[in-house]
Amino acid sequence: MSKPEGVNVGNFKPAIVYTIYIAATPEQVWEALTRAEFSRKYFSGHAVEVDLRVGGAFIMRTPDGALHISGEVIECEPARKLTVTFNVNWPALVEKLGPTLVTYEIEQAGDAVKLTMLQSHDRDISDDILSGGRTGWPAILSSLKSLLETGEALAIKMQPPERMLAALKEMGIGTP
């Protein structure tokens, strides 16, 4: 599959990588990652809307329906791999920090699925800025795992880390 213009995946290096094992099928994990009705349950009420084709839109809406993340599909192999640009809709964020790539790799691992999530950037990002993803991704993926295995997502109350908010403010990046 060809990649959309403007995103050279080779320039991106993973800054955050998490792997989790889930008692589910690759198809169930894929559905949870790509369907709004699932994402609302494990992603703190956020709804994923994705046009599952290379160049298709990737959008995440807040619980009240506002645009939170926008991007496009870079790689799409159903039940195997999804890579999207994952750009938070905060003023000046992409301009100053560049685009973010998020990749989900889904592999059969015996009776379970090995899900690996990579957050990648095309430049060095400070640990203070990355603290947001390092806090959020484990909670999100743990909640997804619980939802698929038990039918109940985890209710994890989270706020962006103060050090991340302070670093963004220092760079002139506004947050809601």
N, C-alpha and C. Protein backbone atom coordinates (compact mmCIF):
# COMPACT_ATOMS: atom_id res chain seq x y z
N MET A 1 0.84 -1.18 0.00
CA MET A 1 0.00 0.00 0.00
C MET A 1 0.88 1.24 0.00
N SER A 2 0.48 2.21 -0.78
CA SER A 2 1.26 3.45 -0.81
C SER A 2 0.90 4.32 0.39
N LYS A 3 1.84 5.17 0.74
CA LYS A 3 1.65 6.06 1.88
C LYS A 3 1.12 7.41 1.37
N PRO A 4 0.30 8.11 2.15
CA PRO A 4 -0.15 9.43 1.74
C PRO A 4 1.05 10.39 1.60
N GLU A 5 0.88 11.39 0.76
CA GLU A 5 1.93 12.38 0.54
C GLU A 5 2.18 13.15 1.83
N GLY A 6 3.42 13.58 2.03
CA GLY A 6 3.73 14.48 3.13
C GLY A 6 4.15 13.80 4.42
N VAL A 7 3.96 12.52 4.57
CA VAL A 7 4.37 11.84 5.79
C VAL A 7 5.41 10.79 5.42
N ASN A 8 6.66 11.06 5.77
CA ASN A 8 7.73 10.10 5.52
C ASN A 8 7.91 9.26 6.79
N VAL A 9 7.30 8.09 6.80
CA VAL A 9 7.31 7.25 7.99
C VAL A 9 8.73 6.92 8.43
N GLY A 10 9.66 6.86 7.47
CA GLY A 10 11.05 6.55 7.80
C GLY A 10 11.72 7.58 8.70
N ASN A 11 11.17 8.80 8.74
CA ASN A 11 11.74 9.85 9.59
C ASN A 11 11.25 9.78 11.03
N PHE A 12 10.27 8.91 11.30
CA PHE A 12 9.67 8.84 12.63
C PHE A 12 10.33 7.75 13.46
N LYS A 13 10.61 8.07 14.71
CA LYS A 13 11.21 7.11 15.64
C LYS A 13 10.27 6.95 16.83
N PRO A 14 10.04 5.72 17.29
CA PRO A 14 9.16 5.52 18.45
C PRO A 14 9.71 6.20 19.70
N ALA A 15 8.85 6.95 20.37
CA ALA A 15 9.21 7.59 21.64
C ALA A 15 8.53 6.86 22.80
N ILE A 16 7.40 6.22 22.52
CA ILE A 16 6.66 5.47 23.53
C ILE A 16 6.24 4.16 22.88
N VAL A 17 6.51 3.05 23.55
CA VAL A 17 6.11 1.73 23.05
C VAL A 17 5.53 0.95 24.22
N TYR A 18 4.31 0.44 24.03
CA TYR A 18 3.69 -0.43 25.03
C TYR A 18 3.20 -1.69 24.35
N THR A 19 3.37 -2.81 25.03
CA THR A 19 2.85 -4.08 24.56
C THR A 19 1.98 -4.67 25.66
N ILE A 20 0.84 -5.19 25.25
CA ILE A 20 -0.09 -5.80 26.19
C ILE A 20 -0.66 -7.07 25.53
N TYR A 21 -0.94 -8.06 26.35
CA TYR A 21 -1.53 -9.30 25.85
C TYR A 21 -3.00 -9.34 26.27
N ILE A 22 -3.86 -9.69 25.32
CA ILE A 22 -5.30 -9.65 25.54
C ILE A 22 -5.91 -10.99 25.14
N ALA A 23 -6.75 -11.53 26.00
CA ALA A 23 -7.47 -12.77 25.69
C ALA A 23 -8.63 -12.41 24.76
N ALA A 24 -8.32 -12.33 23.47
CA ALA A 24 -9.29 -11.95 22.44
C ALA A 24 -8.74 -12.41 21.09
N THR A 25 -9.52 -12.20 20.05
CA THR A 25 -9.04 -12.50 18.70
C THR A 25 -8.50 -11.22 18.07
N PRO A 26 -7.66 -11.34 17.05
CA PRO A 26 -7.20 -10.13 16.35
C PRO A 26 -8.37 -9.29 15.82
N GLU A 27 -9.42 -9.93 15.37
CA GLU A 27 -10.58 -9.21 14.84
C GLU A 27 -11.28 -8.41 15.94
N GLN A 28 -11.39 -8.98 17.14
CA GLN A 28 -12.01 -8.25 18.26
C GLN A 28 -11.18 -7.04 18.66
N VAL A 29 -9.86 -7.19 18.68
CA VAL A 29 -8.97 -6.08 19.03
C VAL A 29 -9.09 -4.99 17.96
N TRP A 30 -9.09 -5.39 16.70
CA TRP A 30 -9.22 -4.44 15.59
C TRP A 30 -10.50 -3.63 15.72
N GLU A 31 -11.59 -4.33 15.98
CA GLU A 31 -12.89 -3.67 16.13
C GLU A 31 -12.87 -2.68 17.29
N ALA A 32 -12.26 -3.06 18.40
CA ALA A 32 -12.18 -2.16 19.56
C ALA A 32 -11.37 -0.91 19.24
N LEU A 33 -10.33 -1.05 18.42
CA LEU A 33 -9.48 0.09 18.08
C LEU A 33 -10.10 1.01 17.03
N THR A 34 -11.04 0.50 16.24
CA THR A 34 -11.49 1.25 15.08
C THR A 34 -12.98 1.62 15.09
N ARG A 35 -13.72 1.26 16.12
CA ARG A 35 -15.17 1.53 16.14
C ARG A 35 -15.52 2.44 17.32
N ALA A 36 -16.28 3.48 17.04
CA ALA A 36 -16.63 4.48 18.05
C ALA A 36 -17.33 3.88 19.26
N GLU A 37 -18.23 2.92 19.02
CA GLU A 37 -18.99 2.38 20.15
C GLU A 37 -18.09 1.66 21.15
N PHE A 38 -16.98 1.08 20.68
CA PHE A 38 -16.02 0.45 21.59
C PHE A 38 -15.13 1.50 22.25
N SER A 39 -14.58 2.41 21.44
CA SER A 39 -13.62 3.37 21.98
C SER A 39 -14.25 4.23 23.07
N ARG A 40 -15.51 4.58 22.93
CA ARG A 40 -16.18 5.38 23.97
C ARG A 40 -16.10 4.70 25.33
N LYS A 41 -16.13 3.36 25.33
CA LYS A 41 -16.14 2.62 26.59
C LYS A 41 -14.78 2.61 27.29
N TYR A 42 -13.69 2.46 26.53
CA TYR A 42 -12.38 2.33 27.18
C TYR A 42 -11.50 3.57 27.06
N PHE A 43 -11.90 4.56 26.23
CA PHE A 43 -11.06 5.73 25.97
C PHE A 43 -11.68 6.97 26.61
N SER A 44 -12.17 6.81 27.84
CA SER A 44 -12.74 7.93 28.63
C SER A 44 -13.83 8.68 27.88
N GLY A 45 -14.66 7.96 27.14
CA GLY A 45 -15.77 8.57 26.44
C GLY A 45 -15.44 9.13 25.07
N HIS A 46 -14.17 9.08 24.68
CA HIS A 46 -13.77 9.58 23.36
C HIS A 46 -14.17 8.58 22.28
N ALA A 47 -14.65 9.11 21.15
CA ALA A 47 -15.13 8.27 20.06
C ALA A 47 -14.17 8.35 18.88
N VAL A 48 -13.65 7.19 18.46
CA VAL A 48 -12.79 7.09 17.29
C VAL A 48 -13.67 6.97 16.05
N GLU A 49 -13.38 7.78 15.04
CA GLU A 49 -14.04 7.67 13.74
C GLU A 49 -12.92 7.50 12.73
N VAL A 50 -12.88 6.36 12.04
CA VAL A 50 -11.77 6.10 11.12
C VAL A 50 -12.29 5.53 9.81
N ASP A 51 -11.82 6.12 8.72
CA ASP A 51 -12.10 5.64 7.36
C ASP A 51 -10.97 4.67 7.05
N LEU A 52 -11.26 3.39 7.12
CA LEU A 52 -10.24 2.34 7.09
C LEU A 52 -9.66 2.09 5.70
N ARG A 53 -8.94 3.10 5.22
CA ARG A 53 -8.19 2.98 3.96
C ARG A 53 -7.04 3.97 4.03
N VAL A 54 -5.94 3.67 3.35
CA VAL A 54 -4.80 4.57 3.33
C VAL A 54 -5.25 5.92 2.78
N GLY A 55 -4.96 6.98 3.52
CA GLY A 55 -5.40 8.32 3.16
C GLY A 55 -6.74 8.69 3.76
N GLY A 56 -7.42 7.72 4.39
CA GLY A 56 -8.72 7.99 5.02
C GLY A 56 -8.56 8.83 6.27
N ALA A 57 -9.64 9.45 6.69
CA ALA A 57 -9.62 10.31 7.87
C ALA A 57 -9.57 9.49 9.16
N PHE A 58 -8.82 10.01 10.14
CA PHE A 58 -8.81 9.48 11.50
C PHE A 58 -9.19 10.64 12.40
N ILE A 59 -10.28 10.48 13.14
CA ILE A 59 -10.78 11.54 14.01
C ILE A 59 -11.12 10.94 15.36
N MET A 60 -10.87 11.70 16.42
CA MET A 60 -11.34 11.32 17.74
C MET A 60 -12.09 12.51 18.32
N ARG A 61 -13.30 12.24 18.80
CA ARG A 61 -14.14 13.29 19.38
C ARG A 61 -14.23 13.11 20.90
N THR A 62 -14.31 14.25 21.59
CA THR A 62 -14.48 14.24 23.04
C THR A 62 -15.89 13.73 23.36
N PRO A 63 -16.16 13.41 24.62
CA PRO A 63 -17.50 12.91 24.97
C PRO A 63 -18.63 13.86 24.55
N ASP A 64 -18.35 15.17 24.47
CA ASP A 64 -19.40 16.11 24.05
C ASP A 64 -19.45 16.32 22.54
N GLY A 65 -18.61 15.57 21.78
CA GLY A 65 -18.66 15.61 20.33
C GLY A 65 -17.66 16.56 19.67
N ALA A 66 -16.89 17.30 20.46
CA ALA A 66 -15.92 18.24 19.89
C ALA A 66 -14.72 17.47 19.31
N LEU A 67 -14.11 18.05 18.28
CA LEU A 67 -12.93 17.45 17.68
C LEU A 67 -11.76 17.52 18.66
N HIS A 68 -11.14 16.37 18.95
CA HIS A 68 -10.00 16.33 19.86
C HIS A 68 -8.71 15.95 19.13
N ILE A 69 -8.80 14.97 18.25
CA ILE A 69 -7.63 14.50 17.51
C ILE A 69 -8.05 14.34 16.05
N SER A 70 -7.17 14.80 15.15
CA SER A 70 -7.43 14.60 13.73
C SER A 70 -6.17 14.05 13.09
N GLY A 71 -6.38 13.32 12.02
CA GLY A 71 -5.25 12.77 11.31
C GLY A 71 -5.73 11.99 10.11
N GLU A 72 -4.81 11.17 9.59
CA GLU A 72 -5.17 10.32 8.47
C GLU A 72 -4.52 8.96 8.61
N VAL A 73 -5.11 8.00 7.92
CA VAL A 73 -4.61 6.63 7.95
C VAL A 73 -3.38 6.54 7.05
N ILE A 74 -2.28 6.05 7.61
CA ILE A 74 -1.02 5.89 6.88
C ILE A 74 -0.85 4.44 6.42
N GLU A 75 -1.18 3.50 7.30
CA GLU A 75 -1.14 2.07 6.98
C GLU A 75 -2.40 1.43 7.53
N CYS A 76 -2.97 0.50 6.77
CA CYS A 76 -4.20 -0.16 7.21
C CYS A 76 -4.21 -1.60 6.72
N GLU A 77 -3.96 -2.51 7.64
CA GLU A 77 -4.04 -3.95 7.36
C GLU A 77 -5.00 -4.53 8.39
N PRO A 78 -6.27 -4.68 8.03
CA PRO A 78 -7.28 -5.10 9.01
C PRO A 78 -6.84 -6.29 9.86
N ALA A 79 -7.08 -6.14 11.18
CA ALA A 79 -6.76 -7.14 12.20
C ALA A 79 -5.26 -7.41 12.32
N ARG A 80 -4.43 -6.53 11.72
CA ARG A 80 -2.97 -6.70 11.81
C ARG A 80 -2.23 -5.42 12.18
N LYS A 81 -2.53 -4.32 11.46
CA LYS A 81 -1.75 -3.10 11.69
C LYS A 81 -2.55 -1.87 11.26
N LEU A 82 -2.49 -0.85 12.12
CA LEU A 82 -3.09 0.44 11.80
C LEU A 82 -2.11 1.52 12.24
N THR A 83 -1.73 2.38 11.28
CA THR A 83 -0.89 3.54 11.59
C THR A 83 -1.64 4.78 11.16
N VAL A 84 -1.72 5.76 12.08
CA VAL A 84 -2.44 7.00 11.79
C VAL A 84 -1.62 8.19 12.28
N THR A 85 -1.82 9.35 11.64
CA THR A 85 -1.33 10.57 12.25
C THR A 85 -2.33 10.90 13.35
N PHE A 86 -1.82 11.34 14.49
CA PHE A 86 -2.59 11.45 15.73
C PHE A 86 -2.30 12.83 16.30
N ASN A 87 -2.98 13.83 15.73
CA ASN A 87 -2.65 15.21 16.07
C ASN A 87 -3.71 15.83 16.98
N VAL A 88 -3.30 16.13 18.21
CA VAL A 88 -4.20 16.72 19.20
C VAL A 88 -4.55 18.14 18.75
N ASN A 89 -5.82 18.47 18.83
CA ASN A 89 -6.34 19.74 18.36
C ASN A 89 -6.14 20.86 19.40
N TRP A 90 -4.88 21.14 19.72
CA TRP A 90 -4.54 22.23 20.62
C TRP A 90 -3.76 23.25 19.81
N PRO A 91 -4.04 24.54 19.98
CA PRO A 91 -3.37 25.56 19.15
C PRO A 91 -1.85 25.43 19.18
N ALA A 92 -1.24 25.46 18.01
CA ALA A 92 0.22 25.48 17.81
C ALA A 92 0.91 24.16 18.12
N LEU A 93 0.19 23.13 18.54
CA LEU A 93 0.84 21.88 18.93
C LEU A 93 1.59 21.24 17.77
N VAL A 94 0.92 21.00 16.65
CA VAL A 94 1.57 20.34 15.52
C VAL A 94 2.65 21.25 14.93
N GLU A 95 2.35 22.55 14.86
CA GLU A 95 3.32 23.51 14.32
C GLU A 95 4.64 23.46 15.11
N LYS A 96 4.56 23.35 16.44
CA LYS A 96 5.77 23.40 17.26
C LYS A 96 6.38 22.03 17.55
N LEU A 97 5.55 21.00 17.64
CA LEU A 97 6.06 19.67 18.01
C LEU A 97 6.05 18.69 16.85
N GLY A 98 5.48 19.09 15.72
CA GLY A 98 5.40 18.20 14.58
C GLY A 98 4.28 17.19 14.75
N PRO A 99 4.05 16.40 13.71
CA PRO A 99 2.99 15.40 13.77
C PRO A 99 3.38 14.22 14.67
N THR A 100 2.37 13.54 15.15
CA THR A 100 2.56 12.31 15.93
C THR A 100 1.99 11.16 15.11
N LEU A 101 2.72 10.06 15.08
CA LEU A 101 2.22 8.83 14.48
C LEU A 101 1.88 7.86 15.59
N VAL A 102 0.74 7.22 15.50
CA VAL A 102 0.39 6.13 16.41
C VAL A 102 0.19 4.89 15.56
N THR A 103 0.87 3.81 15.96
CA THR A 103 0.76 2.53 15.27
C THR A 103 0.28 1.48 16.25
N TYR A 104 -0.70 0.71 15.82
CA TYR A 104 -1.16 -0.46 16.56
C TYR A 104 -0.75 -1.67 15.75
N GLU A 105 0.01 -2.57 16.37
CA GLU A 105 0.38 -3.84 15.73
C GLU A 105 -0.33 -4.96 16.48
N ILE A 106 -1.05 -5.79 15.75
CA ILE A 106 -1.85 -6.86 16.33
C ILE A 106 -1.28 -8.19 15.85
N GLU A 107 -0.88 -9.05 16.80
CA GLU A 107 -0.32 -10.35 16.43
C GLU A 107 -0.98 -11.44 17.27
N GLN A 108 -1.27 -12.56 16.63
CA GLN A 108 -1.74 -13.73 17.37
C GLN A 108 -0.59 -14.23 18.23
N ALA A 109 -0.88 -14.55 19.49
CA ALA A 109 0.13 -15.06 20.41
C ALA A 109 -0.50 -16.21 21.19
N GLY A 110 -0.47 -17.41 20.61
CA GLY A 110 -1.16 -18.54 21.23
C GLY A 110 -2.65 -18.28 21.22
N ASP A 111 -3.27 -18.36 22.40
CA ASP A 111 -4.71 -18.12 22.51
C ASP A 111 -5.03 -16.65 22.75
N ALA A 112 -4.01 -15.81 22.76
CA ALA A 112 -4.20 -14.39 23.03
C ALA A 112 -3.74 -13.55 21.84
N VAL A 113 -3.87 -12.26 22.00
CA VAL A 113 -3.38 -11.29 21.02
C VAL A 113 -2.32 -10.44 21.70
N LYS A 114 -1.22 -10.25 20.99
CA LYS A 114 -0.18 -9.33 21.43
C LYS A 114 -0.46 -8.00 20.72
N LEU A 115 -0.82 -6.97 21.49
CA LEU A 115 -1.08 -5.65 20.93
C LEU A 115 0.08 -4.74 21.32
N THR A 116 0.74 -4.19 20.31
CA THR A 116 1.82 -3.23 20.55
C THR A 116 1.39 -1.88 20.01
N MET A 117 1.52 -0.85 20.86
CA MET A 117 1.20 0.52 20.47
C MET A 117 2.50 1.31 20.46
N LEU A 118 2.75 2.00 19.36
CA LEU A 118 3.94 2.85 19.24
C LEU A 118 3.51 4.28 18.98
N GLN A 119 4.02 5.21 19.77
CA GLN A 119 3.83 6.64 19.51
C GLN A 119 5.16 7.15 18.99
N SER A 120 5.18 7.65 17.75
CA SER A 120 6.42 8.03 17.09
C SER A 120 6.40 9.49 16.67
N HIS A 121 7.61 10.07 16.63
CA HIS A 121 7.78 11.47 16.25
C HIS A 121 8.94 11.59 15.29
N ASP A 122 8.93 12.67 14.49
CA ASP A 122 10.01 12.90 13.53
C ASP A 122 11.09 13.83 14.08
N ARG A 123 11.02 14.12 15.39
CA ARG A 123 12.01 14.96 16.06
C ARG A 123 12.05 14.56 17.54
N ASP A 124 13.06 15.04 18.24
CA ASP A 124 13.15 14.75 19.67
C ASP A 124 12.06 15.52 20.41
N ILE A 125 11.38 14.84 21.30
CA ILE A 125 10.33 15.44 22.13
C ILE A 125 10.77 15.27 23.58
N SER A 126 10.62 16.32 24.38
CA SER A 126 11.09 16.27 25.77
C SER A 126 10.31 15.25 26.59
N ASP A 127 10.96 14.76 27.64
CA ASP A 127 10.30 13.83 28.56
C ASP A 127 9.08 14.47 29.21
N ASP A 128 9.14 15.79 29.46
CA ASP A 128 7.99 16.46 30.06
C ASP A 128 6.77 16.36 29.14
N ILE A 129 6.97 16.61 27.84
CA ILE A 129 5.87 16.52 26.88
C ILE A 129 5.41 15.06 26.77
N LEU A 130 6.35 14.14 26.69
CA LEU A 130 5.99 12.71 26.55
C LEU A 130 5.32 12.14 27.79
N SER A 131 5.43 12.82 28.93
CA SER A 131 4.82 12.31 30.16
C SER A 131 3.31 12.13 29.99
N GLY A 132 2.68 12.92 29.11
CA GLY A 132 1.24 12.76 28.88
C GLY A 132 0.92 11.40 28.31
N GLY A 133 1.60 11.02 27.23
CA GLY A 133 1.39 9.71 26.63
C GLY A 133 1.83 8.58 27.53
N ARG A 134 2.91 8.80 28.25
CA ARG A 134 3.42 7.75 29.14
C ARG A 134 2.46 7.50 30.30
N THR A 135 1.65 8.50 30.64
CA THR A 135 0.63 8.34 31.66
C THR A 135 -0.65 7.75 31.06
N GLY A 136 -1.02 8.26 29.89
CA GLY A 136 -2.31 7.91 29.31
C GLY A 136 -2.38 6.56 28.64
N TRP A 137 -1.37 6.21 27.83
CA TRP A 137 -1.46 4.96 27.06
C TRP A 137 -1.61 3.71 27.93
N PRO A 138 -0.86 3.55 29.03
CA PRO A 138 -1.07 2.33 29.83
C PRO A 138 -2.50 2.21 30.36
N ALA A 139 -3.08 3.34 30.77
CA ALA A 139 -4.46 3.32 31.29
C ALA A 139 -5.44 2.98 30.17
N ILE A 140 -5.26 3.58 29.01
CA ILE A 140 -6.16 3.33 27.88
C ILE A 140 -6.09 1.87 27.44
N LEU A 141 -4.86 1.36 27.27
CA LEU A 141 -4.71 -0.02 26.82
C LEU A 141 -5.17 -1.02 27.88
N SER A 142 -4.96 -0.71 29.15
CA SER A 142 -5.46 -1.59 30.22
C SER A 142 -6.98 -1.63 30.22
N SER A 143 -7.59 -0.48 29.98
CA SER A 143 -9.05 -0.42 29.94
C SER A 143 -9.59 -1.20 28.74
N LEU A 144 -8.91 -1.08 27.59
CA LEU A 144 -9.30 -1.85 26.40
C LEU A 144 -9.22 -3.35 26.69
N LYS A 145 -8.13 -3.77 27.33
CA LYS A 145 -7.94 -5.18 27.69
C LYS A 145 -9.09 -5.64 28.60
N SER A 146 -9.39 -4.87 29.62
CA SER A 146 -10.48 -5.24 30.54
C SER A 146 -11.81 -5.33 29.82
N LEU A 147 -12.08 -4.38 28.93
CA LEU A 147 -13.33 -4.39 28.18
C LEU A 147 -13.46 -5.66 27.35
N LEU A 148 -12.41 -6.02 26.63
CA LEU A 148 -12.49 -7.20 25.77
C LEU A 148 -12.54 -8.50 26.57
N GLU A 149 -11.87 -8.53 27.71
CA GLU A 149 -11.82 -9.78 28.49
C GLU A 149 -13.00 -9.96 29.43
N THR A 150 -13.55 -8.86 29.95
CA THR A 150 -14.60 -8.98 30.97
C THR A 150 -15.91 -8.33 30.56
N GLY A 151 -15.89 -7.52 29.50
CA GLY A 151 -17.08 -6.78 29.12
C GLY A 151 -17.21 -5.44 29.83
N GLU A 152 -16.29 -5.16 30.76
CA GLU A 152 -16.32 -3.91 31.52
C GLU A 152 -14.99 -3.18 31.38
N ALA A 153 -15.04 -1.93 30.95
CA ALA A 153 -13.84 -1.11 30.87
C ALA A 153 -13.48 -0.60 32.26
N LEU A 154 -12.24 -0.19 32.44
CA LEU A 154 -11.80 0.41 33.70
C LEU A 154 -12.19 1.88 33.73
N ALA A 155 -12.62 2.36 34.88
CA ALA A 155 -12.94 3.78 35.04
C ALA A 155 -11.73 4.44 35.70
N ILE A 156 -10.81 4.90 34.87
CA ILE A 156 -9.58 5.51 35.38
C ILE A 156 -9.68 7.01 35.15
N LYS A 157 -9.75 7.77 36.22
CA LYS A 157 -9.81 9.23 36.11
C LYS A 157 -8.40 9.74 35.86
N MET A 158 -8.24 10.49 34.76
CA MET A 158 -6.90 10.98 34.43
C MET A 158 -6.97 12.45 34.06
N GLN A 159 -5.92 13.16 34.39
CA GLN A 159 -5.70 14.53 33.97
C GLN A 159 -4.33 14.58 33.33
N PRO A 160 -4.11 15.50 32.38
CA PRO A 160 -2.76 15.63 31.82
C PRO A 160 -1.77 15.96 32.93
N PRO A 161 -0.58 15.36 32.91
CA PRO A 161 0.42 15.64 33.95
C PRO A 161 0.78 17.13 33.98
N GLU A 162 0.92 17.66 35.19
CA GLU A 162 1.26 19.08 35.36
C GLU A 162 2.54 19.44 34.61
N ARG A 163 3.55 18.55 34.65
CA ARG A 163 4.82 18.88 33.98
C ARG A 163 4.65 18.98 32.47
N MET A 164 3.72 18.18 31.90
CA MET A 164 3.44 18.29 30.47
C MET A 164 2.75 19.62 30.17
N LEU A 165 1.75 19.98 30.97
CA LEU A 165 1.03 21.23 30.75
C LEU A 165 1.96 22.43 30.89
N ALA A 166 2.86 22.38 31.88
CA ALA A 166 3.82 23.48 32.09
C ALA A 166 4.77 23.60 30.90
N ALA A 167 5.24 22.46 30.37
CA ALA A 167 6.16 22.48 29.23
C ALA A 167 5.46 23.01 27.98
N LEU A 168 4.20 22.63 27.78
CA LEU A 168 3.45 23.13 26.63
C LEU A 168 3.24 24.63 26.74
N LYS A 169 2.88 25.09 27.94
CA LYS A 169 2.65 26.51 28.16
C LYS A 169 3.92 27.32 27.87
N GLU A 170 5.04 26.78 28.34
CA GLU A 170 6.34 27.45 28.12
C GLU A 170 6.65 27.59 26.63
N MET A 171 6.17 26.63 25.83
CA MET A 171 6.40 26.65 24.38
C MET A 171 5.34 27.48 23.65
N GLY A 172 4.38 28.03 24.40
CA GLY A 172 3.32 28.81 23.77
C GLY A 172 2.23 27.98 23.14
N ILE A 173 2.07 26.75 23.61
CA ILE A 173 1.05 25.86 23.08
C ILE A 173 -0.14 25.87 24.04
N GLY A 174 -1.28 26.30 23.54
CA GLY A 174 -2.48 26.39 24.36
C GLY A 174 -3.14 25.03 24.53
N THR A 175 -3.75 24.84 25.69
CA THR A 175 -4.53 23.62 25.95
C THR A 175 -5.90 24.06 26.44
N PRO A 176 -6.90 23.20 26.26
CA PRO A 176 -8.26 23.58 26.68
C PRO A 176 -8.36 23.78 28.19
